[in-house]
N, C-alpha and C. Protein backbone atom coordinates (compact mmCIF):
# COMPACT_ATOMS: atom_id res chain seq x y z
N ASP A 1 -15.80 -37.32 20.44
CA ASP A 1 -15.09 -36.63 19.38
C ASP A 1 -13.61 -36.54 19.77
N ASN A 2 -12.75 -37.14 19.00
CA ASN A 2 -11.32 -37.18 19.29
C ASN A 2 -10.58 -35.93 18.85
N SER A 3 -11.21 -35.09 18.03
CA SER A 3 -10.51 -33.92 17.51
C SER A 3 -10.17 -32.94 18.63
N SER A 4 -11.02 -32.80 19.64
CA SER A 4 -10.73 -31.87 20.73
C SER A 4 -9.56 -32.36 21.57
N GLU A 5 -9.38 -33.67 21.64
CA GLU A 5 -8.25 -34.22 22.39
C GLU A 5 -6.96 -34.15 21.57
N PHE A 6 -7.09 -34.21 20.25
CA PHE A 6 -5.94 -34.22 19.36
C PHE A 6 -5.19 -32.89 19.38
N ILE A 7 -5.91 -31.77 19.38
CA ILE A 7 -5.28 -30.46 19.30
C ILE A 7 -4.36 -30.21 20.49
N PRO A 8 -4.79 -30.37 21.74
CA PRO A 8 -3.87 -30.14 22.85
C PRO A 8 -2.67 -31.08 22.82
N LYS A 9 -2.86 -32.32 22.39
CA LYS A 9 -1.74 -33.27 22.33
C LYS A 9 -0.71 -32.79 21.31
N CYS A 10 -1.17 -32.28 20.17
CA CYS A 10 -0.26 -31.79 19.14
C CYS A 10 0.53 -30.60 19.67
N ARG A 11 -0.15 -29.68 20.34
CA ARG A 11 0.53 -28.51 20.90
C ARG A 11 1.57 -28.93 21.92
N THR A 12 1.21 -29.87 22.78
CA THR A 12 2.13 -30.36 23.79
C THR A 12 3.34 -31.00 23.13
N CYS A 13 3.08 -31.79 22.10
CA CYS A 13 4.16 -32.45 21.36
C CYS A 13 5.11 -31.41 20.75
N ARG A 14 4.55 -30.42 20.07
CA ARG A 14 5.37 -29.39 19.43
C ARG A 14 6.16 -28.61 20.48
N ARG A 15 5.54 -28.30 21.61
CA ARG A 15 6.22 -27.58 22.68
C ARG A 15 7.41 -28.38 23.19
N GLN A 16 7.22 -29.69 23.38
CA GLN A 16 8.30 -30.54 23.86
C GLN A 16 9.45 -30.60 22.85
N VAL A 17 9.11 -30.67 21.57
CA VAL A 17 10.13 -30.70 20.52
C VAL A 17 10.91 -29.39 20.52
N ARG A 18 10.21 -28.25 20.65
CA ARG A 18 10.87 -26.94 20.69
C ARG A 18 11.80 -26.84 21.89
N GLU A 19 11.33 -27.28 23.04
CA GLU A 19 12.13 -27.21 24.26
C GLU A 19 13.38 -28.08 24.14
N GLN A 20 13.25 -29.26 23.54
CA GLN A 20 14.39 -30.15 23.39
C GLN A 20 15.40 -29.62 22.38
N SER A 21 14.89 -28.94 21.33
CA SER A 21 15.79 -28.44 20.30
C SER A 21 16.38 -27.08 20.67
N GLY A 22 15.89 -26.47 21.75
CA GLY A 22 16.43 -25.19 22.20
C GLY A 22 15.82 -23.98 21.52
N GLU A 23 14.72 -24.14 20.84
CA GLU A 23 14.03 -23.02 20.21
C GLU A 23 13.24 -22.28 21.27
N GLY A 24 13.76 -21.15 21.71
CA GLY A 24 13.09 -20.42 22.78
C GLY A 24 12.35 -19.19 22.31
N ASP A 25 12.32 -18.95 21.00
CA ASP A 25 11.70 -17.71 20.51
C ASP A 25 10.26 -17.91 20.06
N HIS A 26 9.63 -18.99 20.45
CA HIS A 26 8.23 -19.23 20.10
C HIS A 26 7.33 -18.37 20.97
N HIS A 27 6.31 -17.78 20.35
CA HIS A 27 5.33 -16.96 21.08
C HIS A 27 4.06 -17.77 21.23
N GLU A 28 3.64 -17.96 22.46
CA GLU A 28 2.41 -18.72 22.71
C GLU A 28 1.24 -18.07 22.00
N GLY A 29 0.38 -18.87 21.46
CA GLY A 29 -0.79 -18.36 20.75
C GLY A 29 -0.57 -18.32 19.25
N LEU A 30 0.68 -18.36 18.82
CA LEU A 30 0.98 -18.38 17.39
C LEU A 30 1.23 -19.80 16.95
N SER A 31 0.76 -20.12 15.79
CA SER A 31 1.02 -21.43 15.23
C SER A 31 2.48 -21.50 14.81
N SER A 32 3.07 -22.66 14.92
CA SER A 32 4.45 -22.80 14.47
C SER A 32 4.53 -22.60 12.95
N ASP A 33 3.41 -22.77 12.26
CA ASP A 33 3.37 -22.51 10.83
C ASP A 33 3.51 -21.02 10.53
N GLU A 34 3.14 -20.17 11.48
CA GLU A 34 3.19 -18.73 11.29
C GLU A 34 4.57 -18.15 11.56
N GLU A 35 5.43 -18.92 12.19
CA GLU A 35 6.77 -18.45 12.51
C GLU A 35 7.67 -18.61 11.30
N LEU A 36 8.49 -17.60 11.05
CA LEU A 36 9.40 -17.64 9.92
C LEU A 36 10.81 -17.97 10.38
N THR A 37 11.49 -18.76 9.59
CA THR A 37 12.87 -19.08 9.89
C THR A 37 13.73 -17.89 9.45
N PRO A 38 14.95 -17.77 9.99
CA PRO A 38 15.83 -16.67 9.55
C PRO A 38 16.05 -16.68 8.04
N THR A 39 16.12 -17.85 7.43
CA THR A 39 16.29 -17.95 5.98
C THR A 39 15.08 -17.36 5.26
N GLU A 40 13.90 -17.68 5.74
CA GLU A 40 12.68 -17.15 5.13
C GLU A 40 12.61 -15.64 5.30
N VAL A 41 13.03 -15.13 6.45
CA VAL A 41 13.04 -13.68 6.68
C VAL A 41 14.01 -13.01 5.71
N ASP A 42 15.19 -13.59 5.53
CA ASP A 42 16.18 -13.03 4.59
C ASP A 42 15.65 -13.05 3.17
N GLU A 43 15.03 -14.16 2.77
CA GLU A 43 14.47 -14.27 1.42
C GLU A 43 13.36 -13.24 1.21
N PHE A 44 12.52 -13.07 2.22
CA PHE A 44 11.45 -12.08 2.13
C PHE A 44 12.04 -10.68 1.98
N GLN A 45 13.05 -10.36 2.78
CA GLN A 45 13.66 -9.03 2.73
C GLN A 45 14.31 -8.78 1.38
N LYS A 46 15.00 -9.78 0.83
CA LYS A 46 15.61 -9.64 -0.49
C LYS A 46 14.54 -9.43 -1.56
N SER A 47 13.47 -10.20 -1.47
CA SER A 47 12.38 -10.07 -2.43
C SER A 47 11.74 -8.68 -2.33
N ARG A 48 11.52 -8.24 -1.10
CA ARG A 48 10.94 -6.91 -0.87
C ARG A 48 11.85 -5.81 -1.43
N ASP A 49 13.15 -5.92 -1.18
CA ASP A 49 14.10 -4.94 -1.70
C ASP A 49 14.10 -4.92 -3.22
N ASN A 50 13.99 -6.09 -3.85
CA ASN A 50 13.94 -6.15 -5.31
C ASN A 50 12.68 -5.47 -5.85
N VAL A 51 11.56 -5.70 -5.20
CA VAL A 51 10.30 -5.07 -5.63
C VAL A 51 10.41 -3.55 -5.48
N LEU A 52 10.95 -3.08 -4.37
CA LEU A 52 11.10 -1.64 -4.15
C LEU A 52 12.04 -1.03 -5.18
N GLU A 53 13.12 -1.73 -5.49
CA GLU A 53 14.07 -1.24 -6.49
C GLU A 53 13.40 -1.16 -7.87
N ASP A 54 12.66 -2.20 -8.23
CA ASP A 54 11.95 -2.21 -9.51
C ASP A 54 10.90 -1.11 -9.57
N SER A 55 10.25 -0.84 -8.44
CA SER A 55 9.19 0.18 -8.43
C SER A 55 9.77 1.58 -8.66
N ARG A 56 11.02 1.79 -8.28
CA ARG A 56 11.65 3.10 -8.50
C ARG A 56 11.91 3.34 -9.99
N LYS A 57 12.00 2.27 -10.76
CA LYS A 57 12.32 2.37 -12.19
C LYS A 57 11.08 2.51 -13.07
N ILE A 58 9.90 2.33 -12.50
CA ILE A 58 8.68 2.29 -13.30
C ILE A 58 8.47 3.56 -14.11
N PHE A 59 8.65 4.72 -13.48
CA PHE A 59 8.38 5.98 -14.16
C PHE A 59 9.65 6.69 -14.60
N GLU A 60 10.76 5.94 -14.75
CA GLU A 60 12.03 6.54 -15.15
C GLU A 60 11.94 7.28 -16.47
N ASP A 61 11.26 6.71 -17.44
CA ASP A 61 11.21 7.28 -18.78
C ASP A 61 9.95 8.10 -19.04
N VAL A 62 9.23 8.47 -17.99
CA VAL A 62 8.00 9.24 -18.14
C VAL A 62 8.29 10.71 -17.85
N HIS A 63 7.75 11.58 -18.68
CA HIS A 63 7.91 13.02 -18.47
C HIS A 63 7.34 13.40 -17.11
N ALA A 64 8.01 14.30 -16.41
CA ALA A 64 7.64 14.68 -15.04
C ALA A 64 6.19 15.15 -14.93
N ASP A 65 5.65 15.74 -15.98
CA ASP A 65 4.26 16.23 -15.93
C ASP A 65 3.25 15.08 -15.86
N PHE A 66 3.67 13.88 -16.20
CA PHE A 66 2.73 12.77 -16.28
C PHE A 66 2.97 11.67 -15.25
N CYS A 67 3.88 11.91 -14.31
CA CYS A 67 4.08 10.93 -13.24
C CYS A 67 3.98 11.59 -11.87
N ASP A 68 3.57 12.85 -11.85
CA ASP A 68 3.37 13.58 -10.60
C ASP A 68 1.88 13.87 -10.47
N ILE A 69 1.26 13.35 -9.44
CA ILE A 69 -0.20 13.48 -9.29
C ILE A 69 -0.63 14.93 -9.23
N ARG A 70 0.13 15.76 -8.53
CA ARG A 70 -0.22 17.18 -8.41
C ARG A 70 -0.25 17.85 -9.78
N LYS A 71 0.75 17.55 -10.62
CA LYS A 71 0.83 18.16 -11.95
C LYS A 71 -0.31 17.66 -12.84
N ILE A 72 -0.63 16.39 -12.72
CA ILE A 72 -1.74 15.83 -13.52
C ILE A 72 -3.04 16.50 -13.12
N LEU A 73 -3.27 16.63 -11.83
CA LEU A 73 -4.51 17.26 -11.35
C LEU A 73 -4.58 18.73 -11.74
N LEU A 74 -3.43 19.41 -11.80
CA LEU A 74 -3.42 20.81 -12.25
C LEU A 74 -3.86 20.92 -13.71
N LYS A 75 -3.42 19.95 -14.52
CA LYS A 75 -3.86 19.94 -15.93
C LYS A 75 -5.37 19.77 -16.04
N PHE A 76 -5.93 18.89 -15.22
CA PHE A 76 -7.38 18.71 -15.23
C PHE A 76 -8.09 19.94 -14.70
N GLN A 77 -7.51 20.60 -13.71
CA GLN A 77 -8.10 21.83 -13.17
C GLN A 77 -8.13 22.92 -14.24
N GLU A 78 -7.04 23.02 -14.99
CA GLU A 78 -6.99 24.01 -16.08
C GLU A 78 -8.04 23.69 -17.13
N TRP A 79 -8.18 22.42 -17.49
CA TRP A 79 -9.18 22.01 -18.46
C TRP A 79 -10.57 22.39 -17.97
N LYS A 80 -10.82 22.13 -16.70
CA LYS A 80 -12.13 22.42 -16.13
C LYS A 80 -12.44 23.91 -16.17
N GLU A 81 -11.42 24.72 -15.89
CA GLU A 81 -11.62 26.18 -15.88
C GLU A 81 -11.79 26.74 -17.28
N LYS A 82 -11.04 26.21 -18.26
CA LYS A 82 -11.08 26.74 -19.62
C LYS A 82 -12.25 26.19 -20.43
N LEU A 83 -12.54 24.90 -20.28
CA LEU A 83 -13.59 24.26 -21.07
C LEU A 83 -14.49 23.42 -20.15
N PRO A 84 -15.28 24.05 -19.31
CA PRO A 84 -16.08 23.30 -18.33
C PRO A 84 -17.07 22.33 -18.96
N ASP A 85 -17.71 22.71 -20.07
CA ASP A 85 -18.67 21.81 -20.70
C ASP A 85 -17.99 20.52 -21.18
N SER A 86 -16.85 20.67 -21.82
CA SER A 86 -16.10 19.51 -22.31
C SER A 86 -15.63 18.65 -21.13
N TYR A 87 -15.19 19.30 -20.07
CA TYR A 87 -14.71 18.59 -18.88
C TYR A 87 -15.82 17.73 -18.30
N TYR A 88 -17.01 18.31 -18.13
CA TYR A 88 -18.12 17.55 -17.55
C TYR A 88 -18.66 16.49 -18.50
N ASP A 89 -18.64 16.78 -19.80
CA ASP A 89 -19.09 15.79 -20.79
C ASP A 89 -18.18 14.56 -20.83
N ALA A 90 -16.92 14.73 -20.44
CA ALA A 90 -15.96 13.61 -20.45
C ALA A 90 -16.02 12.79 -19.16
N TYR A 91 -16.88 13.18 -18.22
CA TYR A 91 -17.04 12.47 -16.94
C TYR A 91 -15.68 12.26 -16.24
N ILE A 92 -14.93 13.33 -16.15
CA ILE A 92 -13.59 13.27 -15.56
C ILE A 92 -13.63 12.80 -14.11
N GLY A 93 -14.65 13.18 -13.37
CA GLY A 93 -14.76 12.74 -11.98
C GLY A 93 -14.76 11.23 -11.84
N PHE A 94 -15.29 10.54 -12.84
CA PHE A 94 -15.30 9.07 -12.82
C PHE A 94 -13.99 8.48 -13.34
N CYS A 95 -13.28 9.24 -14.18
CA CYS A 95 -12.04 8.73 -14.78
C CYS A 95 -10.81 8.90 -13.89
N LEU A 96 -10.82 9.92 -13.06
CA LEU A 96 -9.62 10.22 -12.25
C LEU A 96 -9.17 9.06 -11.35
N PRO A 97 -10.08 8.39 -10.66
CA PRO A 97 -9.59 7.27 -9.82
C PRO A 97 -8.84 6.20 -10.62
N LYS A 98 -9.34 5.87 -11.80
CA LYS A 98 -8.66 4.87 -12.63
C LYS A 98 -7.33 5.39 -13.16
N LEU A 99 -7.30 6.68 -13.46
CA LEU A 99 -6.08 7.28 -13.98
C LEU A 99 -5.00 7.38 -12.90
N LEU A 100 -5.39 7.75 -11.70
CA LEU A 100 -4.42 7.95 -10.62
C LEU A 100 -4.04 6.65 -9.89
N ASN A 101 -4.84 5.62 -10.05
CA ASN A 101 -4.63 4.36 -9.35
C ASN A 101 -3.19 3.84 -9.48
N PRO A 102 -2.63 3.71 -10.69
CA PRO A 102 -1.26 3.16 -10.78
C PRO A 102 -0.23 4.05 -10.09
N LEU A 103 -0.41 5.35 -10.18
CA LEU A 103 0.54 6.27 -9.55
C LEU A 103 0.51 6.15 -8.03
N ILE A 104 -0.68 6.01 -7.49
CA ILE A 104 -0.83 5.88 -6.03
C ILE A 104 -0.31 4.53 -5.57
N ARG A 105 -0.61 3.49 -6.32
CA ARG A 105 -0.16 2.14 -5.93
C ARG A 105 1.36 2.06 -5.85
N VAL A 106 2.05 2.72 -6.77
CA VAL A 106 3.52 2.72 -6.75
C VAL A 106 4.02 3.40 -5.48
N GLN A 107 3.33 4.47 -5.08
CA GLN A 107 3.76 5.18 -3.87
C GLN A 107 3.43 4.39 -2.60
N LEU A 108 2.47 3.50 -2.68
CA LEU A 108 2.08 2.71 -1.51
C LEU A 108 2.82 1.37 -1.40
N ILE A 109 3.67 1.05 -2.35
CA ILE A 109 4.36 -0.24 -2.32
C ILE A 109 5.14 -0.41 -1.03
N SER A 110 5.82 0.62 -0.59
CA SER A 110 6.66 0.49 0.61
C SER A 110 5.92 0.85 1.89
N TRP A 111 4.67 1.29 1.78
CA TRP A 111 3.91 1.72 2.95
C TRP A 111 3.45 0.52 3.76
N ASN A 112 3.69 0.56 5.06
CA ASN A 112 3.28 -0.54 5.93
C ASN A 112 2.69 0.06 7.20
N PRO A 113 1.37 0.02 7.36
CA PRO A 113 0.75 0.61 8.54
C PRO A 113 1.05 -0.13 9.83
N LEU A 114 1.69 -1.29 9.74
CA LEU A 114 2.02 -2.06 10.94
C LEU A 114 3.38 -1.68 11.51
N GLU A 115 4.15 -0.90 10.78
CA GLU A 115 5.44 -0.44 11.28
C GLU A 115 5.22 0.67 12.29
N GLN A 116 6.19 0.85 13.17
CA GLN A 116 6.04 1.87 14.21
C GLN A 116 6.03 3.28 13.63
N ASN A 117 6.91 3.58 12.72
CA ASN A 117 7.04 4.94 12.19
C ASN A 117 6.46 5.06 10.79
N PHE A 118 5.21 4.65 10.63
CA PHE A 118 4.61 4.73 9.31
C PHE A 118 3.96 6.10 9.11
N THR A 119 3.84 6.51 7.86
CA THR A 119 3.22 7.78 7.52
C THR A 119 1.72 7.56 7.36
N GLU A 120 0.94 8.43 7.98
CA GLU A 120 -0.51 8.35 7.83
C GLU A 120 -0.87 8.66 6.38
N LEU A 121 -1.92 8.02 5.87
CA LEU A 121 -2.35 8.28 4.49
C LEU A 121 -2.62 9.76 4.25
N GLU A 122 -3.25 10.40 5.24
CA GLU A 122 -3.62 11.80 5.08
C GLU A 122 -2.41 12.73 4.97
N GLU A 123 -1.23 12.25 5.36
CA GLU A 123 -0.01 13.05 5.31
C GLU A 123 0.79 12.82 4.03
N MET A 124 0.38 11.88 3.21
CA MET A 124 1.11 11.57 1.99
C MET A 124 0.84 12.64 0.93
N PRO A 125 1.86 12.97 0.14
CA PRO A 125 1.72 14.03 -0.87
C PRO A 125 0.58 13.78 -1.85
N TRP A 126 0.40 12.54 -2.30
CA TRP A 126 -0.66 12.26 -3.27
C TRP A 126 -2.03 12.50 -2.65
N PHE A 127 -2.19 12.17 -1.36
CA PHE A 127 -3.46 12.37 -0.69
C PHE A 127 -3.78 13.86 -0.59
N ARG A 128 -2.79 14.64 -0.22
CA ARG A 128 -2.98 16.09 -0.11
C ARG A 128 -3.32 16.72 -1.46
N ALA A 129 -2.65 16.24 -2.51
CA ALA A 129 -2.92 16.78 -3.85
C ALA A 129 -4.37 16.50 -4.26
N ILE A 130 -4.85 15.29 -4.00
CA ILE A 130 -6.23 14.95 -4.34
C ILE A 130 -7.19 15.75 -3.48
N GLU A 131 -6.85 15.93 -2.22
CA GLU A 131 -7.70 16.71 -1.32
C GLU A 131 -7.80 18.16 -1.79
N GLU A 132 -6.67 18.76 -2.18
CA GLU A 132 -6.68 20.14 -2.68
C GLU A 132 -7.50 20.24 -3.97
N PHE A 133 -7.34 19.25 -4.85
CA PHE A 133 -8.10 19.23 -6.09
C PHE A 133 -9.60 19.14 -5.80
N SER A 134 -9.96 18.28 -4.87
CA SER A 134 -11.37 18.13 -4.49
C SER A 134 -11.92 19.42 -3.90
N ASP A 135 -11.13 20.05 -3.04
CA ASP A 135 -11.56 21.33 -2.45
C ASP A 135 -11.74 22.39 -3.52
N ALA A 136 -10.82 22.46 -4.49
CA ALA A 136 -10.92 23.42 -5.58
C ALA A 136 -12.15 23.13 -6.43
N GLU A 137 -12.43 21.84 -6.64
CA GLU A 137 -13.63 21.46 -7.42
C GLU A 137 -14.90 21.89 -6.69
N ASN A 138 -14.95 21.69 -5.39
CA ASN A 138 -16.13 22.07 -4.60
C ASN A 138 -16.34 23.58 -4.60
N VAL A 139 -15.25 24.33 -4.54
CA VAL A 139 -15.34 25.80 -4.54
C VAL A 139 -15.87 26.27 -5.89
N SER A 140 -15.33 25.72 -7.00
CA SER A 140 -15.77 26.15 -8.32
C SER A 140 -17.21 25.74 -8.60
N GLU A 141 -17.65 24.60 -8.05
CA GLU A 141 -19.02 24.18 -8.25
C GLU A 141 -20.00 25.06 -7.47
N SER A 142 -19.55 25.56 -6.31
CA SER A 142 -20.44 26.41 -5.51
C SER A 142 -20.60 27.79 -6.13
N LYS A 143 -19.61 28.20 -6.97
CA LYS A 143 -19.73 29.49 -7.65
C LYS A 143 -20.84 29.40 -8.66
């Protein structure tokens, strides 16, 4: 089987080309296909910045009561307390994930767990709001 001989030869060839061209920033174990050129890094950063800028504009024209997860959950909590039969008949527990999904996704656009100083999910405001809502739901159900 020549394929096992081909792979080391290719690596040796690529290593020799890198050494001759003066590319010293290669990390052993990584494919040269996985390495990004400075131009690609700049393009990625510009694209990322554009996406982040666009994401800030998504809820610009939305009333504050409908783009804040805590406020939305408070409205559902009030509904549950005032009209519990209607609340349960509407299967709100099944609807909330679909309703909150776009709001959470916008907040997670810039989140990167691979960065050194990333925020834990449990520390994010939307996570705490959902946790408080769930705790309030459990308390009211136990009553």
